[in-house]
């Protein structure tokens, strides 16, 4: 698994892209809700057993500027152990209300979840991909 989002972008052959006819803010809200439900909460709800933390360490990073938003899904909590599995790039198409969505995954296993991400981008409610 890649150790950074940049490494994921450079080395992955598992890609999928599509266009959504919605405002960037609307698509962002849909992904924020989905990622917080599926990743953020799991990263912050740990089980402790005999003072040892048990559970999945996963979460997402989000970067944003006026015409572009990027989500990076990672596994592992410490900087040295983080592995990046999926990037979701939202880019506003010039002179349009449309958004280009590009998914870049570390492995082909993510392909089965690509339709979920497309549905989320279009405003649908989806269960978590795992």
Foldseek 3Di string as FASTA:
>chain_A
DALDPVVLVVPFPDKDKDKEQAAPVLLVVLVVVQQCVAFVVQQVDWDADPNDTDHWHKHWDWDDDDFKIKIWIWTDDDSVPTDTAKMWMWGDDPPHRMIMIMMGGPDPVCVVCVVVSVCSSNPHDDDHPD
